Amino acid sequence: MIADHTPPVGEILWAVLYFFVNLIEIPVKICYTVCQQTKCVREVRYLYKGFGLQIKHLNNLITKKTYALFANDEYPHISHSAFKVIDYLYQTQEKDVTQKDIEKALVINRATTSKMLLLLEQKGFISRNSSANDARTKIVKLTERGFSLREHNLSGADKLDRIFAEVLSEEDFEAFSRIYEKLRTALDE
């Protein structure tokens, strides 16, 4: 008996890839394999040029455009991770945030967080002061310059979103969001 047989996760991933391939018209090579256990025929699609490479290329283009939108003399380039720290501090400004809180919230290791906070402090975007309860614990806060940087970067992000909105329809955004969630979930397993 000939039937298409794929594992559940594989079915989901192939369905997402098939949808995405058809959405952006990526050429595919279709091959057929026989499952040794069930003796069923399974269709396998290979993406020419590599699907992962296309996503990486798109990420590089977005990063390049982002740097161009955000660059100016007042705010020298900071990494995306550093900006996530600034954004986190903005969102939690009413709380006493420590380095450990940042590590946990942003899933960044201790050494990286320490270096990043030192750099942000040297550039004047954050301040670190001893906690009133424990002098060994440093409370991290945004400075006025840090607040200003966040606002500047948000305006750049709005420009980038407008670029996307000019070329993608609402349906495209919804399709991409669904595909992104499915791929992220499959890759997180």
C-alpha atoms as a PDB file:
ATOM      1  CA  MET A   1       0.000   0.000   0.000  1.00  0.00           C
ATOM      2  CA  ILE A   2       1.390   3.385  -0.969  1.00  0.00           C
ATOM      3  CA  ALA A   3       0.576   6.294   1.334  1.00  0.00           C
ATOM      4  CA  ASP A   4       2.201   9.538   2.346  1.00  0.00           C
ATOM      5  CA  HIS A   5       3.577   9.033   5.853  1.00  0.00           C
ATOM      6  CA  THR A   6       5.429  11.662   7.892  1.00  0.00           C
ATOM      7  CA  PRO A   7       5.859  12.090  11.630  1.00  0.00           C
ATOM      8  CA  PRO A   8       3.582  14.702  13.293  1.00  0.00           C
ATOM      9  CA  VAL A   9       6.307  17.327  13.792  1.00  0.00           C
ATOM     10  CA  GLY A  10       7.514  16.660  10.264  1.00  0.00           C
ATOM     11  CA  GLU A  11       3.989  17.116   8.930  1.00  0.00           C
ATOM     12  CA  ILE A  12       3.693  20.472  10.610  1.00  0.00           C
ATOM     13  CA  LEU A  13       7.120  21.625   9.485  1.00  0.00           C
ATOM     14  CA  TRP A  14       6.591  20.434   5.904  1.00  0.00           C
ATOM     15  CA  ALA A  15       3.164  22.077   5.786  1.00  0.00           C
ATOM     16  CA  VAL A  16       4.663  25.361   6.943  1.00  0.00           C
ATOM     17  CA  LEU A  17       7.557  25.094   4.509  1.00  0.00           C
ATOM     18  CA  TYR A  18       5.212  24.133   1.667  1.00  0.00           C
ATOM     19  CA  PHE A  19       2.999  27.142   2.427  1.00  0.00           C
ATOM     20  CA  PHE A  20       5.988  29.467   2.701  1.00  0.00           C
ATOM     21  CA  VAL A  21       7.578  28.068  -0.487  1.00  0.00           C
ATOM     22  CA  ASN A  22       4.364  28.741  -2.397  1.00  0.00           C
ATOM     23  CA  LEU A  23       3.929  32.163  -0.779  1.00  0.00           C
ATOM     24  CA  ILE A  24       7.307  33.493  -1.899  1.00  0.00           C
ATOM     25  CA  GLU A  25       7.738  31.157  -4.897  1.00  0.00           C
ATOM     26  CA  ILE A  26      10.948  29.389  -3.884  1.00  0.00           C
ATOM     27  CA  PRO A  27      11.851  26.676  -6.399  1.00  0.00           C
ATOM     28  CA  VAL A  28      11.830  23.194  -4.888  1.00  0.00           C
ATOM     29  CA  LYS A  29      13.098  19.766  -5.908  1.00  0.00           C
ATOM     30  CA  ILE A  30      10.671  16.986  -5.039  1.00  0.00           C
ATOM     31  CA  CYS A  31      12.034  13.515  -4.276  1.00  0.00           C
ATOM     32  CA  TYR A  32      10.337  10.391  -2.984  1.00  0.00           C
ATOM     33  CA  THR A  33      11.701   8.097  -0.301  1.00  0.00           C
ATOM     34  CA  VAL A  34      10.414   4.837   1.126  1.00  0.00           C
ATOM     35  CA  CYS A  35      10.075   4.538   4.883  1.00  0.00           C
ATOM     36  CA  GLN A  36      11.927   1.348   5.886  1.00  0.00           C
ATOM     37  CA  GLN A  37       9.571   0.606   8.799  1.00  0.00           C
ATOM     38  CA  THR A  38       6.191   1.167   7.155  1.00  0.00           C
ATOM     39  CA  LYS A  39       7.214   0.684   3.503  1.00  0.00           C
ATOM     40  CA  CYS A  40       5.225   3.820   2.695  1.00  0.00           C
ATOM     41  CA  VAL A  41       6.321   6.365   0.128  1.00  0.00           C
ATOM     42  CA  ARG A  42       7.036   9.830   1.461  1.00  0.00           C
ATOM     43  CA  GLU A  43       7.425  13.005  -0.534  1.00  0.00           C
ATOM     44  CA  VAL A  44      10.517  15.026   0.402  1.00  0.00           C
ATOM     45  CA  ARG A  45      10.972  18.602  -0.723  1.00  0.00           C
ATOM     46  CA  TYR A  46      14.429  20.099  -0.924  1.00  0.00           C
ATOM     47  CA  LEU A  47      14.618  23.847  -1.155  1.00  0.00           C
ATOM     48  CA  TYR A  48      17.078  25.140  -3.712  1.00  0.00           C
ATOM     49  CA  LYS A  49      19.493  27.699  -2.225  1.00  0.00           C
ATOM     50  CA  GLY A  50      18.577  26.562   1.285  1.00  0.00           C
ATOM     51  CA  PHE A  51      15.646  27.899   3.243  1.00  0.00           C
ATOM     52  CA  GLY A  52      17.791  28.673   6.285  1.00  0.00           C
ATOM     53  CA  LEU A  53      20.251  30.624   4.155  1.00  0.00           C
ATOM     54  CA  GLN A  54      17.426  32.728   2.748  1.00  0.00           C
ATOM     55  CA  ILE A  55      16.222  33.564   6.250  1.00  0.00           C
ATOM     56  CA  LYS A  56      19.807  34.419   7.286  1.00  0.00           C
ATOM     57  CA  HIS A  57      20.191  36.640   4.209  1.00  0.00           C
ATOM     58  CA  LEU A  58      16.949  38.460   5.021  1.00  0.00           C
ATOM     59  CA  ASN A  59      18.130  38.923   8.614  1.00  0.00           C
ATOM     60  CA  ASN A  60      21.398  40.437   7.343  1.00  0.00           C
ATOM     61  CA  LEU A  61      19.506  42.865   5.079  1.00  0.00           C
ATOM     62  CA  ILE A  62      17.222  43.922   7.934  1.00  0.00           C
ATOM     63  CA  THR A  63      20.225  44.405  10.238  1.00  0.00           C
ATOM     64  CA  LYS A  64      22.010  46.538   7.621  1.00  0.00           C
ATOM     65  CA  LYS A  65      18.894  48.685   7.092  1.00  0.00           C
ATOM     66  CA  THR A  66      18.404  48.981  10.853  1.00  0.00           C
ATOM     67  CA  TYR A  67      21.946  50.273  11.345  1.00  0.00           C
ATOM     68  CA  ALA A  68      21.402  52.825   8.559  1.00  0.00           C
ATOM     69  CA  LEU A  69      18.144  54.042  10.131  1.00  0.00           C
ATOM     70  CA  PHE A  70      19.544  54.296  13.669  1.00  0.00           C
ATOM     71  CA  ALA A  71      22.988  55.693  12.936  1.00  0.00           C
ATOM     72  CA  ASN A  72      23.854  59.227  13.958  1.00  0.00           C
ATOM     73  CA  ASP A  73      26.621  61.015  15.855  1.00  0.00           C
ATOM     74  CA  GLU A  74      24.677  61.477  19.102  1.00  0.00           C
ATOM     75  CA  TYR A  75      23.913  57.772  19.475  1.00  0.00           C
ATOM     76  CA  PRO A  76      26.789  55.550  18.427  1.00  0.00           C
ATOM     77  CA  HIS A  77      25.867  52.021  17.378  1.00  0.00           C
ATOM     78  CA  ILE A  78      24.948  49.668  20.184  1.00  0.00           C
ATOM     79  CA  SER A  79      24.119  46.002  19.700  1.00  0.00           C
ATOM     80  CA  HIS A  80      20.594  44.683  19.471  1.00  0.00           C
ATOM     81  CA  SER A  81      21.155  42.875  22.790  1.00  0.00           C
ATOM     82  CA  ALA A  82      22.224  46.119  24.443  1.00  0.00           C
ATOM     83  CA  PHE A  83      19.115  47.831  23.149  1.00  0.00           C
ATOM     84  CA  LYS A  84      17.002  44.985  24.574  1.00  0.00           C
ATOM     85  CA  VAL A  85      18.564  45.773  27.973  1.00  0.00           C
ATOM     86  CA  ILE A  86      17.674  49.456  27.577  1.00  0.00           C
ATOM     87  CA  ASP A  87      14.124  48.550  26.555  1.00  0.00           C
ATOM     88  CA  TYR A  88      13.799  46.158  29.514  1.00  0.00           C
ATOM     89  CA  LEU A  89      14.997  48.863  31.909  1.00  0.00           C
ATOM     90  CA  TYR A  90      12.474  51.264  30.406  1.00  0.00           C
ATOM     91  CA  GLN A  91       9.624  48.790  30.857  1.00  0.00           C
ATOM     92  CA  THR A  92      10.639  48.046  34.463  1.00  0.00           C
ATOM     93  CA  GLN A  93      11.633  51.578  35.486  1.00  0.00           C
ATOM     94  CA  GLU A  94       9.333  51.520  38.523  1.00  0.00           C
ATOM     95  CA  LYS A  95      11.199  48.518  39.976  1.00  0.00           C
ATOM     96  CA  ASP A  96      14.691  48.055  41.390  1.00  0.00           C
ATOM     97  CA  VAL A  97      16.322  45.989  38.628  1.00  0.00           C
ATOM     98  CA  THR A  98      19.573  44.114  39.232  1.00  0.00           C
ATOM     99  CA  GLN A  99      21.997  42.476  36.820  1.00  0.00           C
ATOM    100  CA  LYS A 100      20.573  39.093  37.791  1.00  0.00           C
ATOM    101  CA  ASP A 101      17.047  40.298  36.839  1.00  0.00           C
ATOM    102  CA  ILE A 102      18.336  41.325  33.400  1.00  0.00           C
ATOM    103  CA  GLU A 103      20.123  37.986  32.917  1.00  0.00           C
ATOM    104  CA  LYS A 104      16.958  36.069  33.750  1.00  0.00           C
ATOM    105  CA  ALA A 105      14.524  38.222  31.760  1.00  0.00           C
ATOM    106  CA  LEU A 106      16.613  38.364  28.585  1.00  0.00           C
ATOM    107  CA  VAL A 107      18.245  34.921  28.849  1.00  0.00           C
ATOM    108  CA  ILE A 108      21.781  36.314  28.710  1.00  0.00           C
ATOM    109  CA  ASN A 109      24.697  34.774  30.591  1.00  0.00           C
ATOM    110  CA  ARG A 110      26.395  36.559  33.477  1.00  0.00           C
ATOM    111  CA  ALA A 111      29.646  37.477  31.707  1.00  0.00           C
ATOM    112  CA  THR A 112      27.895  38.915  28.647  1.00  0.00           C
ATOM    113  CA  THR A 113      25.485  40.898  30.793  1.00  0.00           C
ATOM    114  CA  SER A 114      28.321  42.276  32.901  1.00  0.00           C
ATOM    115  CA  LYS A 115      30.287  43.432  29.839  1.00  0.00           C
ATOM    116  CA  MET A 116      27.183  44.926  28.242  1.00  0.00           C
ATOM    117  CA  LEU A 117      26.229  46.848  31.382  1.00  0.00           C
ATOM    118  CA  LEU A 118      29.778  48.174  31.727  1.00  0.00           C
ATOM    119  CA  LEU A 119      29.725  49.425  28.123  1.00  0.00           C
ATOM    120  CA  LEU A 120      26.265  51.005  28.535  1.00  0.00           C
ATOM    121  CA  GLU A 121      27.426  52.676  31.746  1.00  0.00           C
ATOM    122  CA  GLN A 122      30.598  54.009  30.079  1.00  0.00           C
ATOM    123  CA  LYS A 123      28.499  55.465  27.255  1.00  0.00           C
ATOM    124  CA  GLY A 124      26.205  57.136  29.785  1.00  0.00           C
ATOM    125  CA  PHE A 125      23.023  55.183  28.983  1.00  0.00           C
ATOM    126  CA  ILE A 126      22.645  53.538  32.412  1.00  0.00           C
ATOM    127  CA  SER A 127      23.760  54.037  35.989  1.00  0.00           C
ATOM    128  CA  ARG A 128      24.503  51.359  38.583  1.00  0.00           C
ATOM    129  CA  ASN A 129      24.151  52.232  42.255  1.00  0.00           C
ATOM    130  CA  SER A 130      24.305  50.154  45.421  1.00  0.00           C
ATOM    131  CA  SER A 131      21.031  48.885  46.792  1.00  0.00           C
ATOM    132  CA  ALA A 132      19.811  50.405  50.058  1.00  0.00           C
ATOM    133  CA  ASN A 133      19.252  46.863  51.377  1.00  0.00           C
ATOM    134  CA  ASP A 134      22.540  45.282  50.272  1.00  0.00           C
ATOM    135  CA  ALA A 135      25.621  47.251  49.226  1.00  0.00           C
ATOM    136  CA  ARG A 136      26.858  44.283  47.146  1.00  0.00           C
ATOM    137  CA  THR A 137      23.761  44.456  44.930  1.00  0.00           C
ATOM    138  CA  LYS A 138      23.752  47.103  42.198  1.00  0.00           C
ATOM    139  CA  ILE A 139      20.485  48.629  41.023  1.00  0.00           C
ATOM    140  CA  VAL A 140      20.522  49.381  37.287  1.00  0.00           C
ATOM    141  CA  LYS A 141      18.594  52.415  36.007  1.00  0.00           C
ATOM    142  CA  LEU A 142      18.330  54.281  32.720  1.00  0.00           C
ATOM    143  CA  THR A 143      19.849  57.747  32.574  1.00  0.00           C
ATOM    144  CA  GLU A 144      18.246  60.606  30.637  1.00  0.00           C
ATOM    145  CA  ARG A 145      20.566  59.716  27.768  1.00  0.00           C
ATOM    146  CA  GLY A 146      19.292  56.117  27.954  1.00  0.00           C
ATOM    147  CA  PHE A 147      15.670  57.276  27.787  1.00  0.00           C
ATOM    148  CA  SER A 148      16.554  59.468  24.826  1.00  0.00           C
ATOM    149  CA  LEU A 149      18.320  56.581  23.035  1.00  0.00           C
ATOM    150  CA  ARG A 150      15.252  54.395  23.450  1.00  0.00           C
ATOM    151  CA  GLU A 151      12.995  57.043  21.913  1.00  0.00           C
ATOM    152  CA  HIS A 152      15.441  57.544  19.025  1.00  0.00           C
ATOM    153  CA  ASN A 153      15.582  53.801  18.315  1.00  0.00           C
ATOM    154  CA  LEU A 154      11.794  53.456  18.494  1.00  0.00           C
ATOM    155  CA  SER A 155      11.426  56.096  15.777  1.00  0.00           C
ATOM    156  CA  GLY A 156      13.914  54.089  13.659  1.00  0.00           C
ATOM    157  CA  ALA A 157      11.905  50.921  14.290  1.00  0.00           C
ATOM    158  CA  ASP A 158       8.752  52.742  13.144  1.00  0.00           C
ATOM    159  CA  LYS A 159      10.527  53.677   9.890  1.00  0.00           C
ATOM    160  CA  LEU A 160      11.503  50.041   9.369  1.00  0.00           C
ATOM    161  CA  ASP A 161       7.914  48.914  10.019  1.00  0.00           C
ATOM    162  CA  ARG A 162       6.690  51.452   7.441  1.00  0.00           C
ATOM    163  CA  ILE A 163       9.095  49.972   4.864  1.00  0.00           C
ATOM    164  CA  PHE A 164       7.634  46.514   5.538  1.00  0.00           C
ATOM    165  CA  ALA A 165       4.065  47.860   5.377  1.00  0.00           C
ATOM    166  CA  GLU A 166       4.728  49.359   1.930  1.00  0.00           C
ATOM    167  CA  VAL A 167       5.552  45.962   0.405  1.00  0.00           C
ATOM    168  CA  LEU A 168       3.532  43.496   2.515  1.00  0.00           C
ATOM    169  CA  SER A 169      -0.226  43.275   2.859  1.00  0.00           C
ATOM    170  CA  GLU A 170      -2.035  42.573   6.123  1.00  0.00           C
ATOM    171  CA  GLU A 171      -2.532  38.990   4.942  1.00  0.00           C
ATOM    172  CA  ASP A 172       1.231  38.674   4.327  1.00  0.00           C
ATOM    173  CA  PHE A 173       1.947  39.872   7.878  1.00  0.00           C
ATOM    174  CA  GLU A 174      -0.555  37.389   9.311  1.00  0.00           C
ATOM    175  CA  ALA A 175       0.841  34.522   7.206  1.00  0.00           C
ATOM    176  CA  PHE A 176       4.402  35.376   8.213  1.00  0.00           C
ATOM    177  CA  SER A 177       3.425  35.547  11.898  1.00  0.00           C
ATOM    178  CA  ARG A 178       1.825  32.100  11.710  1.00  0.00           C
ATOM    179  CA  ILE A 179       4.815  30.647   9.869  1.00  0.00           C
ATOM    180  CA  TYR A 180       7.264  32.271  12.271  1.00  0.00           C
ATOM    181  CA  GLU A 181       5.452  30.850  15.317  1.00  0.00           C
ATOM    182  CA  LYS A 182       5.341  27.351  13.843  1.00  0.00           C
ATOM    183  CA  LEU A 183       9.031  27.376  12.900  1.00  0.00           C
ATOM    184  CA  ARG A 184      10.069  28.886  16.239  1.00  0.00           C
ATOM    185  CA  THR A 185       8.085  26.246  18.106  1.00  0.00           C
ATOM    186  CA  ALA A 186       9.515  23.412  15.989  1.00  0.00           C
ATOM    187  CA  LEU A 187      13.072  24.688  16.455  1.00  0.00           C
ATOM    188  CA  ASP A 188      12.653  25.257  20.211  1.00  0.00           C
ATOM    189  CA  GLU A 189      11.772  21.568  20.787  1.00  0.00           C
END
